Amino acid sequence: MNKAYYKPGTRIKFRCIRCDVCCGTGPNVTITIYDLIRISKRLGVHPRAVLEQFMNVVIADVIPYITLGSDQWGRCVFLGFNQNGETYCRIYDARPYKCRIYPAQLGGLSEELKLDLKCPGLGKGEDTEIASSKDVQILLDETKRHYEKILELVLTKKLEPLRALYEAIDNEYRMHKQQQK
């Protein structure tokens, strides 16, 4: 683990020790409208309801960013604890792609990955694929499409950032529902 950047699929010693360093230090995970729709499907509610109840929206200049919400202790709202005190993700099967590739993180809009060296699971356990090429590619594609849609609505259609976010969510959700038919 001496390198600064890794390629998807690289194998390193890693085992999640359920310490909650990744999920207990939020809200710092930005998500896409596609992540939001997957979470809403998992919870069985409209994406806007998920946005209002479980997410934060931060507007920086003219760009709205969606972040996972946090509880009163700053932990991810979807972080659960079992009877033994071990952590788990309440939406594991629909968790955002940034969470899926952790402890790897994107180093920009390329396939270069960096590791979160604060993760105490690094260096433990068996050699494990840190992030699959498929998951990294989905994350990159969805991130690019997310911001292209938002920026088109803000810069071209001149919508206020929050309204642009709502419109992008509604449009994608409508398309998602049509594809399911």
N, C-alpha and C. Protein backbone atom coordinates (compact mmCIF):
# COMPACT_ATOMS: atom_id res chain seq x y z
N MET A 1 0.82 -1.20 0.00
CA MET A 1 0.00 0.00 0.00
C MET A 1 0.86 1.26 0.00
N ASN A 2 1.94 1.22 -0.72
CA ASN A 2 2.84 2.37 -0.77
C ASN A 2 2.50 3.31 -1.91
N LYS A 3 1.70 2.84 -2.87
CA LYS A 3 1.40 3.66 -4.03
C LYS A 3 0.34 4.70 -3.68
N ALA A 4 0.35 5.79 -4.44
CA ALA A 4 -0.66 6.83 -4.23
C ALA A 4 -1.96 6.48 -4.95
N TYR A 5 -1.85 5.86 -6.12
CA TYR A 5 -3.04 5.55 -6.91
C TYR A 5 -3.06 4.08 -7.31
N TYR A 6 -4.25 3.56 -7.46
CA TYR A 6 -4.46 2.16 -7.82
C TYR A 6 -5.43 2.07 -8.98
N LYS A 7 -5.36 0.97 -9.69
CA LYS A 7 -6.33 0.69 -10.75
C LYS A 7 -7.48 -0.13 -10.17
N PRO A 8 -8.70 0.02 -10.73
CA PRO A 8 -9.80 -0.83 -10.27
C PRO A 8 -9.41 -2.30 -10.41
N GLY A 9 -9.86 -3.10 -9.47
CA GLY A 9 -9.57 -4.53 -9.50
C GLY A 9 -8.27 -4.90 -8.81
N THR A 10 -7.48 -3.90 -8.40
CA THR A 10 -6.25 -4.18 -7.67
C THR A 10 -6.59 -4.95 -6.40
N ARG A 11 -5.76 -5.92 -6.09
CA ARG A 11 -5.98 -6.72 -4.88
C ARG A 11 -5.03 -6.23 -3.78
N ILE A 12 -5.59 -5.97 -2.63
CA ILE A 12 -4.80 -5.54 -1.47
C ILE A 12 -5.34 -6.28 -0.24
N LYS A 13 -4.55 -6.28 0.81
CA LYS A 13 -5.04 -6.85 2.06
C LYS A 13 -6.05 -5.86 2.66
N PHE A 14 -7.28 -6.34 2.78
CA PHE A 14 -8.34 -5.51 3.35
C PHE A 14 -9.44 -6.40 3.91
N ARG A 15 -9.91 -6.01 5.06
CA ARG A 15 -11.09 -6.65 5.65
C ARG A 15 -11.84 -5.58 6.44
N CYS A 16 -13.11 -5.43 6.14
CA CYS A 16 -13.93 -4.48 6.89
C CYS A 16 -14.03 -4.98 8.33
N ILE A 17 -13.62 -4.13 9.26
CA ILE A 17 -13.69 -4.52 10.67
C ILE A 17 -14.88 -3.88 11.38
N ARG A 18 -15.77 -3.29 10.60
CA ARG A 18 -17.01 -2.70 11.11
C ARG A 18 -16.75 -1.65 12.20
N CYS A 19 -15.77 -0.80 11.93
CA CYS A 19 -15.38 0.21 12.91
C CYS A 19 -16.18 1.50 12.78
N ASP A 20 -16.80 1.71 11.69
CA ASP A 20 -17.61 2.87 11.31
C ASP A 20 -16.82 4.13 10.99
N VAL A 21 -15.51 3.99 10.70
CA VAL A 21 -14.73 5.15 10.26
C VAL A 21 -15.33 5.72 8.97
N CYS A 22 -15.74 4.85 8.08
CA CYS A 22 -16.29 5.30 6.80
C CYS A 22 -17.68 5.88 6.95
N CYS A 23 -18.53 5.26 7.74
CA CYS A 23 -19.94 5.64 7.84
C CYS A 23 -20.24 6.47 9.09
N GLY A 24 -19.29 6.56 9.98
CA GLY A 24 -19.53 7.26 11.23
C GLY A 24 -18.96 8.65 11.28
N THR A 25 -18.47 9.14 10.15
CA THR A 25 -17.81 10.46 10.14
C THR A 25 -18.44 11.41 9.13
N GLY A 26 -19.70 11.21 8.79
CA GLY A 26 -20.38 12.00 7.77
C GLY A 26 -20.88 13.32 8.32
N PRO A 27 -21.69 14.03 7.58
CA PRO A 27 -22.13 13.67 6.23
C PRO A 27 -21.13 14.17 5.20
N ASN A 28 -20.44 13.28 4.57
CA ASN A 28 -19.42 13.68 3.62
C ASN A 28 -19.46 12.89 2.33
N VAL A 29 -20.53 12.13 2.10
CA VAL A 29 -20.62 11.34 0.87
C VAL A 29 -21.63 11.99 -0.06
N THR A 30 -21.13 12.52 -1.18
CA THR A 30 -22.05 13.05 -2.18
C THR A 30 -22.58 11.88 -2.99
N ILE A 31 -23.83 11.99 -3.40
CA ILE A 31 -24.44 10.93 -4.19
C ILE A 31 -25.04 11.54 -5.45
N THR A 32 -25.37 10.67 -6.39
CA THR A 32 -26.00 11.10 -7.64
C THR A 32 -27.50 10.87 -7.57
N ILE A 33 -28.20 11.42 -8.55
CA ILE A 33 -29.65 11.17 -8.63
C ILE A 33 -29.92 9.69 -8.87
N TYR A 34 -28.98 9.00 -9.47
CA TYR A 34 -29.14 7.56 -9.72
C TYR A 34 -29.04 6.77 -8.42
N ASP A 35 -28.09 7.16 -7.55
CA ASP A 35 -28.01 6.55 -6.22
C ASP A 35 -29.32 6.81 -5.47
N LEU A 36 -29.80 8.04 -5.55
CA LEU A 36 -31.03 8.43 -4.86
C LEU A 36 -32.21 7.57 -5.31
N ILE A 37 -32.31 7.33 -6.61
CA ILE A 37 -33.41 6.52 -7.13
C ILE A 37 -33.29 5.07 -6.66
N ARG A 38 -32.07 4.53 -6.63
CA ARG A 38 -31.90 3.16 -6.12
C ARG A 38 -32.30 3.07 -4.64
N ILE A 39 -31.91 4.07 -3.87
CA ILE A 39 -32.27 4.08 -2.45
C ILE A 39 -33.78 4.21 -2.29
N SER A 40 -34.40 5.06 -3.09
CA SER A 40 -35.85 5.24 -2.99
C SER A 40 -36.59 3.96 -3.34
N LYS A 41 -36.08 3.25 -4.34
CA LYS A 41 -36.69 1.97 -4.72
C LYS A 41 -36.56 0.98 -3.56
N ARG A 42 -35.40 0.93 -2.94
CA ARG A 42 -35.16 0.03 -1.81
C ARG A 42 -36.10 0.34 -0.64
N LEU A 43 -36.33 1.64 -0.40
CA LEU A 43 -37.18 2.06 0.71
C LEU A 43 -38.67 2.08 0.35
N GLY A 44 -38.96 2.01 -0.95
CA GLY A 44 -40.34 1.99 -1.40
C GLY A 44 -41.05 3.33 -1.34
N VAL A 45 -40.28 4.41 -1.49
CA VAL A 45 -40.87 5.75 -1.48
C VAL A 45 -40.31 6.57 -2.63
N HIS A 46 -40.96 7.68 -2.94
CA HIS A 46 -40.53 8.57 -4.02
C HIS A 46 -39.15 9.17 -3.68
N PRO A 47 -38.30 9.37 -4.68
CA PRO A 47 -36.97 9.93 -4.43
C PRO A 47 -36.99 11.27 -3.68
N ARG A 48 -37.98 12.10 -3.95
CA ARG A 48 -38.03 13.38 -3.24
C ARG A 48 -38.27 13.17 -1.74
N ALA A 49 -39.05 12.16 -1.39
CA ALA A 49 -39.27 11.86 0.04
C ALA A 49 -37.97 11.41 0.69
N VAL A 50 -37.18 10.61 -0.03
CA VAL A 50 -35.87 10.19 0.48
C VAL A 50 -34.96 11.40 0.63
N LEU A 51 -34.97 12.27 -0.38
CA LEU A 51 -34.15 13.48 -0.35
C LEU A 51 -34.48 14.32 0.88
N GLU A 52 -35.76 14.53 1.12
CA GLU A 52 -36.18 15.39 2.23
C GLU A 52 -35.93 14.75 3.59
N GLN A 53 -36.08 13.44 3.69
CA GLN A 53 -35.98 12.78 4.99
C GLN A 53 -34.56 12.34 5.35
N PHE A 54 -33.77 11.93 4.35
CA PHE A 54 -32.49 11.28 4.65
C PHE A 54 -31.26 11.96 4.07
N MET A 55 -31.43 13.02 3.29
CA MET A 55 -30.30 13.63 2.60
C MET A 55 -30.17 15.10 2.97
N ASN A 56 -29.03 15.65 2.60
CA ASN A 56 -28.80 17.09 2.67
C ASN A 56 -28.55 17.56 1.25
N VAL A 57 -28.95 18.78 0.96
CA VAL A 57 -28.62 19.40 -0.31
C VAL A 57 -27.81 20.65 0.00
N VAL A 58 -26.63 20.70 -0.58
CA VAL A 58 -25.75 21.85 -0.42
C VAL A 58 -25.62 22.50 -1.78
N ILE A 59 -25.83 23.81 -1.84
CA ILE A 59 -25.67 24.51 -3.11
C ILE A 59 -24.40 25.33 -3.03
N ALA A 60 -23.44 24.98 -3.89
CA ALA A 60 -22.17 25.69 -3.98
C ALA A 60 -22.18 26.42 -5.32
N ASP A 61 -22.19 27.74 -5.25
CA ASP A 61 -22.37 28.58 -6.43
C ASP A 61 -23.70 28.21 -7.07
N VAL A 62 -23.68 27.53 -8.20
CA VAL A 62 -24.94 27.17 -8.87
C VAL A 62 -25.12 25.66 -8.96
N ILE A 63 -24.32 24.91 -8.24
CA ILE A 63 -24.39 23.46 -8.34
C ILE A 63 -24.95 22.87 -7.05
N PRO A 64 -26.07 22.15 -7.15
CA PRO A 64 -26.60 21.47 -5.97
C PRO A 64 -25.93 20.11 -5.78
N TYR A 65 -25.45 19.86 -4.60
CA TYR A 65 -24.84 18.58 -4.25
C TYR A 65 -25.75 17.87 -3.26
N ILE A 66 -25.97 16.58 -3.48
CA ILE A 66 -26.74 15.77 -2.54
C ILE A 66 -25.73 15.00 -1.69
N THR A 67 -25.89 15.08 -0.37
CA THR A 67 -25.04 14.28 0.51
C THR A 67 -25.93 13.40 1.39
N LEU A 68 -25.39 12.26 1.77
CA LEU A 68 -26.10 11.41 2.72
C LEU A 68 -26.27 12.19 4.02
N GLY A 69 -27.44 12.09 4.61
CA GLY A 69 -27.70 12.77 5.86
C GLY A 69 -26.99 12.09 7.02
N SER A 70 -27.05 12.73 8.18
CA SER A 70 -26.40 12.15 9.36
C SER A 70 -27.35 12.19 10.55
N ASP A 71 -27.05 11.34 11.51
CA ASP A 71 -27.83 11.34 12.75
C ASP A 71 -27.25 12.38 13.70
N GLN A 72 -27.73 12.41 14.93
CA GLN A 72 -27.29 13.43 15.89
C GLN A 72 -25.82 13.30 16.27
N TRP A 73 -25.19 12.16 15.98
CA TRP A 73 -23.77 11.96 16.28
C TRP A 73 -22.88 12.13 15.05
N GLY A 74 -23.48 12.54 13.93
CA GLY A 74 -22.71 12.75 12.71
C GLY A 74 -22.49 11.49 11.88
N ARG A 75 -23.16 10.40 12.24
CA ARG A 75 -23.02 9.15 11.49
C ARG A 75 -24.05 9.11 10.36
N CYS A 76 -23.75 8.34 9.34
CA CYS A 76 -24.67 8.17 8.22
C CYS A 76 -26.03 7.72 8.75
N VAL A 77 -27.10 8.30 8.20
CA VAL A 77 -28.45 7.95 8.66
C VAL A 77 -28.79 6.49 8.38
N PHE A 78 -28.07 5.85 7.49
CA PHE A 78 -28.35 4.46 7.16
C PHE A 78 -27.45 3.48 7.91
N LEU A 79 -26.62 3.99 8.81
CA LEU A 79 -25.76 3.13 9.62
C LEU A 79 -26.59 2.52 10.75
N GLY A 80 -26.60 1.20 10.80
CA GLY A 80 -27.33 0.51 11.85
C GLY A 80 -26.37 -0.25 12.75
N PHE A 81 -26.88 -0.68 13.88
CA PHE A 81 -26.10 -1.46 14.84
C PHE A 81 -26.91 -2.69 15.21
N ASN A 82 -26.27 -3.86 15.13
CA ASN A 82 -26.98 -5.08 15.53
C ASN A 82 -26.92 -5.24 17.05
N GLN A 83 -27.47 -6.33 17.56
CA GLN A 83 -27.54 -6.55 19.01
C GLN A 83 -26.17 -6.65 19.66
N ASN A 84 -25.15 -7.03 18.87
CA ASN A 84 -23.78 -7.13 19.40
C ASN A 84 -23.02 -5.82 19.28
N GLY A 85 -23.67 -4.79 18.76
CA GLY A 85 -23.03 -3.50 18.58
C GLY A 85 -22.26 -3.37 17.29
N GLU A 86 -22.29 -4.42 16.45
CA GLU A 86 -21.61 -4.35 15.16
C GLU A 86 -22.41 -3.47 14.20
N THR A 87 -21.68 -2.76 13.37
CA THR A 87 -22.35 -1.87 12.42
C THR A 87 -22.77 -2.63 11.17
N TYR A 88 -23.77 -2.10 10.52
CA TYR A 88 -24.21 -2.61 9.22
C TYR A 88 -24.91 -1.48 8.48
N CYS A 89 -25.04 -1.64 7.18
CA CYS A 89 -25.71 -0.65 6.34
C CYS A 89 -27.16 -1.08 6.15
N ARG A 90 -28.08 -0.20 6.48
CA ARG A 90 -29.51 -0.51 6.36
C ARG A 90 -29.97 -0.58 4.91
N ILE A 91 -29.18 -0.03 4.01
CA ILE A 91 -29.55 -0.06 2.58
C ILE A 91 -28.44 -0.72 1.77
N TYR A 92 -27.78 -1.70 2.34
CA TYR A 92 -26.58 -2.29 1.74
C TYR A 92 -26.75 -2.62 0.26
N ASP A 93 -27.85 -3.26 -0.12
CA ASP A 93 -28.04 -3.65 -1.51
C ASP A 93 -28.28 -2.46 -2.43
N ALA A 94 -28.59 -1.30 -1.88
CA ALA A 94 -28.82 -0.09 -2.69
C ALA A 94 -27.86 1.03 -2.30
N ARG A 95 -26.79 0.70 -1.60
CA ARG A 95 -25.88 1.74 -1.14
C ARG A 95 -25.25 2.46 -2.33
N PRO A 96 -24.90 3.75 -2.15
CA PRO A 96 -24.29 4.51 -3.25
C PRO A 96 -22.99 3.86 -3.74
N TYR A 97 -22.67 4.13 -5.01
CA TYR A 97 -21.47 3.53 -5.58
C TYR A 97 -20.20 4.01 -4.89
N LYS A 98 -20.18 5.22 -4.35
CA LYS A 98 -19.00 5.65 -3.59
C LYS A 98 -18.79 4.75 -2.38
N CYS A 99 -19.87 4.32 -1.78
CA CYS A 99 -19.77 3.41 -0.62
C CYS A 99 -19.34 2.02 -1.06
N ARG A 100 -19.78 1.60 -2.23
CA ARG A 100 -19.46 0.25 -2.72
C ARG A 100 -17.96 0.07 -2.95
N ILE A 101 -17.28 1.13 -3.37
CA ILE A 101 -15.85 0.98 -3.69
C ILE A 101 -14.93 1.30 -2.51
N TYR A 102 -15.48 1.77 -1.41
CA TYR A 102 -14.67 2.10 -0.25
C TYR A 102 -13.91 0.87 0.25
N PRO A 103 -12.64 0.98 0.66
CA PRO A 103 -11.88 2.17 1.03
C PRO A 103 -11.21 2.89 -0.14
N ALA A 104 -11.52 2.45 -1.36
CA ALA A 104 -11.01 3.19 -2.52
C ALA A 104 -11.89 4.41 -2.75
N GLN A 105 -11.28 5.43 -3.31
CA GLN A 105 -11.99 6.67 -3.64
C GLN A 105 -11.51 7.12 -5.01
N LEU A 106 -12.40 7.77 -5.73
CA LEU A 106 -12.00 8.30 -7.04
C LEU A 106 -10.95 9.38 -6.85
N GLY A 107 -10.01 9.40 -7.77
CA GLY A 107 -8.99 10.44 -7.76
C GLY A 107 -9.31 11.51 -8.79
N GLY A 108 -10.54 11.63 -9.18
CA GLY A 108 -11.01 12.55 -10.23
C GLY A 108 -11.93 11.78 -11.14
N LEU A 109 -12.12 12.25 -12.36
CA LEU A 109 -13.00 11.55 -13.30
C LEU A 109 -12.22 10.60 -14.19
N SER A 110 -11.21 9.97 -13.61
CA SER A 110 -10.48 8.92 -14.31
C SER A 110 -10.65 7.64 -13.50
N GLU A 111 -10.10 6.56 -13.98
CA GLU A 111 -10.21 5.31 -13.23
C GLU A 111 -9.15 5.18 -12.15
N GLU A 112 -8.38 6.23 -11.91
CA GLU A 112 -7.39 6.17 -10.84
C GLU A 112 -8.10 6.22 -9.49
N LEU A 113 -7.70 5.33 -8.62
CA LEU A 113 -8.28 5.27 -7.29
C LEU A 113 -7.22 5.56 -6.25
N LYS A 114 -7.63 6.23 -5.20
CA LYS A 114 -6.74 6.39 -4.05
C LYS A 114 -7.41 5.69 -2.87
N LEU A 115 -6.63 5.36 -1.88
CA LEU A 115 -7.16 4.68 -0.70
C LEU A 115 -7.33 5.65 0.45
N ASP A 116 -8.38 5.48 1.21
CA ASP A 116 -8.56 6.25 2.44
C ASP A 116 -7.69 5.59 3.50
N LEU A 117 -6.54 6.17 3.74
CA LEU A 117 -5.56 5.57 4.64
C LEU A 117 -6.00 5.60 6.10
N LYS A 118 -7.11 6.29 6.40
CA LYS A 118 -7.64 6.28 7.77
C LYS A 118 -8.42 5.00 8.05
N CYS A 119 -8.70 4.22 7.01
CA CYS A 119 -9.47 2.99 7.18
C CYS A 119 -8.62 1.95 7.90
N PRO A 120 -9.00 1.55 9.12
CA PRO A 120 -8.19 0.58 9.87
C PRO A 120 -8.27 -0.84 9.32
N GLY A 121 -9.15 -1.10 8.36
CA GLY A 121 -9.23 -2.43 7.76
C GLY A 121 -8.17 -2.68 6.71
N LEU A 122 -7.49 -1.61 6.26
CA LEU A 122 -6.41 -1.77 5.28
C LEU A 122 -5.25 -2.53 5.92
N GLY A 123 -4.71 -3.48 5.17
CA GLY A 123 -3.60 -4.28 5.66
C GLY A 123 -4.03 -5.48 6.48
N LYS A 124 -5.34 -5.65 6.66
CA LYS A 124 -5.85 -6.78 7.43
C LYS A 124 -6.54 -7.77 6.49
N GLY A 125 -6.62 -9.02 6.90
CA GLY A 125 -7.36 -10.01 6.13
C GLY A 125 -6.63 -10.50 4.90
N GLU A 126 -7.41 -11.07 4.00
CA GLU A 126 -6.90 -11.66 2.76
C GLU A 126 -6.78 -10.59 1.67
N ASP A 127 -6.06 -10.95 0.60
CA ASP A 127 -6.04 -10.08 -0.57
C ASP A 127 -7.45 -9.99 -1.12
N THR A 128 -7.92 -8.77 -1.32
CA THR A 128 -9.29 -8.51 -1.75
C THR A 128 -9.28 -7.48 -2.86
N GLU A 129 -10.17 -7.65 -3.81
CA GLU A 129 -10.33 -6.65 -4.87
C GLU A 129 -10.94 -5.41 -4.24
N ILE A 130 -10.22 -4.28 -4.30
CA ILE A 130 -10.70 -3.09 -3.60
C ILE A 130 -11.89 -2.42 -4.29
N ALA A 131 -11.95 -2.47 -5.58
CA ALA A 131 -13.07 -1.86 -6.30
C ALA A 131 -13.10 -2.49 -7.68
N SER A 132 -14.24 -3.05 -8.03
CA SER A 132 -14.32 -3.70 -9.34
C SER A 132 -14.33 -2.65 -10.45
N SER A 133 -13.81 -3.02 -11.59
CA SER A 133 -13.83 -2.12 -12.75
C SER A 133 -15.26 -1.73 -13.09
N LYS A 134 -16.19 -2.69 -12.96
CA LYS A 134 -17.60 -2.42 -13.27
C LYS A 134 -18.16 -1.34 -12.34
N ASP A 135 -17.94 -1.48 -11.03
CA ASP A 135 -18.46 -0.50 -10.08
C ASP A 135 -17.85 0.88 -10.30
N VAL A 136 -16.55 0.92 -10.56
CA VAL A 136 -15.88 2.20 -10.80
C VAL A 136 -16.43 2.84 -12.07
N GLN A 137 -16.63 2.05 -13.12
CA GLN A 137 -17.16 2.59 -14.37
C GLN A 137 -18.58 3.12 -14.19
N ILE A 138 -19.41 2.39 -13.45
CA ILE A 138 -20.77 2.86 -13.18
C ILE A 138 -20.72 4.18 -12.41
N LEU A 139 -19.88 4.25 -11.39
CA LEU A 139 -19.74 5.48 -10.61
C LEU A 139 -19.30 6.64 -11.49
N LEU A 140 -18.30 6.42 -12.32
CA LEU A 140 -17.83 7.49 -13.22
C LEU A 140 -18.92 7.92 -14.19
N ASP A 141 -19.58 6.96 -14.84
CA ASP A 141 -20.62 7.28 -15.81
C ASP A 141 -21.78 8.02 -15.17
N GLU A 142 -22.24 7.52 -14.03
CA GLU A 142 -23.38 8.15 -13.37
C GLU A 142 -23.03 9.54 -12.83
N THR A 143 -21.83 9.71 -12.33
CA THR A 143 -21.41 11.02 -11.85
C THR A 143 -21.38 12.02 -13.00
N LYS A 144 -20.82 11.61 -14.12
CA LYS A 144 -20.76 12.49 -15.29
C LYS A 144 -22.16 12.85 -15.77
N ARG A 145 -23.03 11.86 -15.93
CA ARG A 145 -24.40 12.12 -16.39
C ARG A 145 -25.17 12.99 -15.41
N HIS A 146 -24.99 12.74 -14.13
CA HIS A 146 -25.66 13.52 -13.09
C HIS A 146 -25.33 15.01 -13.25
N TYR A 147 -24.04 15.33 -13.31
CA TYR A 147 -23.66 16.74 -13.38
C TYR A 147 -23.96 17.36 -14.74
N GLU A 148 -23.89 16.58 -15.80
CA GLU A 148 -24.29 17.12 -17.11
C GLU A 148 -25.76 17.54 -17.09
N LYS A 149 -26.62 16.70 -16.53
CA LYS A 149 -28.05 17.02 -16.46
C LYS A 149 -28.30 18.25 -15.60
N ILE A 150 -27.68 18.29 -14.44
CA ILE A 150 -27.86 19.42 -13.53
C ILE A 150 -27.37 20.71 -14.17
N LEU A 151 -26.16 20.67 -14.74
CA LEU A 151 -25.60 21.88 -15.33
C LEU A 151 -26.39 22.34 -16.54
N GLU A 152 -26.92 21.41 -17.32
CA GLU A 152 -27.77 21.81 -18.45
C GLU A 152 -29.00 22.57 -17.95
N LEU A 153 -29.61 22.06 -16.91
CA LEU A 153 -30.81 22.71 -16.37
C LEU A 153 -30.49 24.08 -15.76
N VAL A 154 -29.35 24.19 -15.10
CA VAL A 154 -28.98 25.44 -14.45
C VAL A 154 -28.45 26.45 -15.47
N LEU A 155 -27.51 26.02 -16.30
CA LEU A 155 -26.84 26.97 -17.19
C LEU A 155 -27.59 27.24 -18.49
N THR A 156 -28.21 26.22 -19.06
CA THR A 156 -28.90 26.40 -20.34
C THR A 156 -30.36 26.80 -20.14
N LYS A 157 -31.05 26.08 -19.26
CA LYS A 157 -32.47 26.40 -19.03
C LYS A 157 -32.64 27.47 -17.96
N LYS A 158 -31.54 27.84 -17.32
CA LYS A 158 -31.50 28.91 -16.32
C LYS A 158 -32.43 28.67 -15.12
N LEU A 159 -32.52 27.41 -14.70
CA LEU A 159 -33.31 27.09 -13.52
C LEU A 159 -32.50 27.36 -12.25
N GLU A 160 -33.18 27.73 -11.21
CA GLU A 160 -32.56 27.89 -9.90
C GLU A 160 -32.02 26.52 -9.50
N PRO A 161 -30.85 26.43 -8.84
CA PRO A 161 -30.21 25.14 -8.58
C PRO A 161 -31.08 24.08 -7.92
N LEU A 162 -31.83 24.43 -6.89
CA LEU A 162 -32.67 23.44 -6.23
C LEU A 162 -33.79 22.96 -7.15
N ARG A 163 -34.36 23.88 -7.90
CA ARG A 163 -35.41 23.49 -8.85
C ARG A 163 -34.83 22.59 -9.94
N ALA A 164 -33.62 22.88 -10.37
CA ALA A 164 -32.95 22.03 -11.37
C ALA A 164 -32.74 20.62 -10.81
N LEU A 165 -32.34 20.53 -9.56
CA LEU A 165 -32.15 19.23 -8.94
C LEU A 165 -33.46 18.45 -8.91
N TYR A 166 -34.53 19.11 -8.47
CA TYR A 166 -35.84 18.45 -8.42
C TYR A 166 -36.29 17.99 -9.80
N GLU A 167 -36.08 18.83 -10.79
CA GLU A 167 -36.49 18.46 -12.15
C GLU A 167 -35.67 17.27 -12.66
N ALA A 168 -34.37 17.28 -12.39
CA ALA A 168 -33.52 16.16 -12.81
C ALA A 168 -33.96 14.87 -12.12
N ILE A 169 -34.26 14.96 -10.84
CA ILE A 169 -34.73 13.78 -10.09
C ILE A 169 -36.04 13.27 -10.69
N ASP A 170 -36.98 14.19 -10.90
CA ASP A 170 -38.29 13.79 -11.43
C ASP A 170 -38.17 13.18 -12.82
N ASN A 171 -37.34 13.77 -13.67
CA ASN A 171 -37.15 13.24 -15.03
C ASN A 171 -36.56 11.84 -15.00
N GLU A 172 -35.52 11.65 -14.22
CA GLU A 172 -34.88 10.33 -14.13
C GLU A 172 -35.79 9.30 -13.50
N TYR A 173 -36.54 9.72 -12.50
CA TYR A 173 -37.46 8.79 -11.84
C TYR A 173 -38.56 8.35 -12.81
N ARG A 174 -39.07 9.30 -13.58
CA ARG A 174 -40.08 8.98 -14.60
C ARG A 174 -39.53 7.98 -15.61
N MET A 175 -38.31 8.22 -16.08
CA MET A 175 -37.68 7.30 -17.04
C MET A 175 -37.47 5.93 -16.40
N HIS A 176 -37.06 5.91 -15.16
CA HIS A 176 -36.84 4.65 -14.44
C HIS A 176 -38.15 3.86 -14.34
N LYS A 177 -39.23 4.55 -14.01
CA LYS A 177 -40.54 3.88 -13.89
C LYS A 177 -41.00 3.34 -15.24
N GLN A 178 -40.75 4.09 -16.32
CA GLN A 178 -41.15 3.64 -17.66
C GLN A 178 -40.36 2.40 -18.07
N GLN A 179 -39.08 2.35 -17.71
CA GLN A 179 -38.25 1.20 -18.05
C GLN A 179 -38.68 -0.05 -17.31
N GLN A 180 -39.31 0.12 -16.16
CA GLN A 180 -39.76 -1.03 -15.37
C GLN A 180 -41.03 -1.65 -15.94
N LYS A 181 -41.75 -0.91 -16.76
CA LYS A 181 -43.02 -1.43 -17.31
C LYS A 181 -42.80 -2.48 -18.36
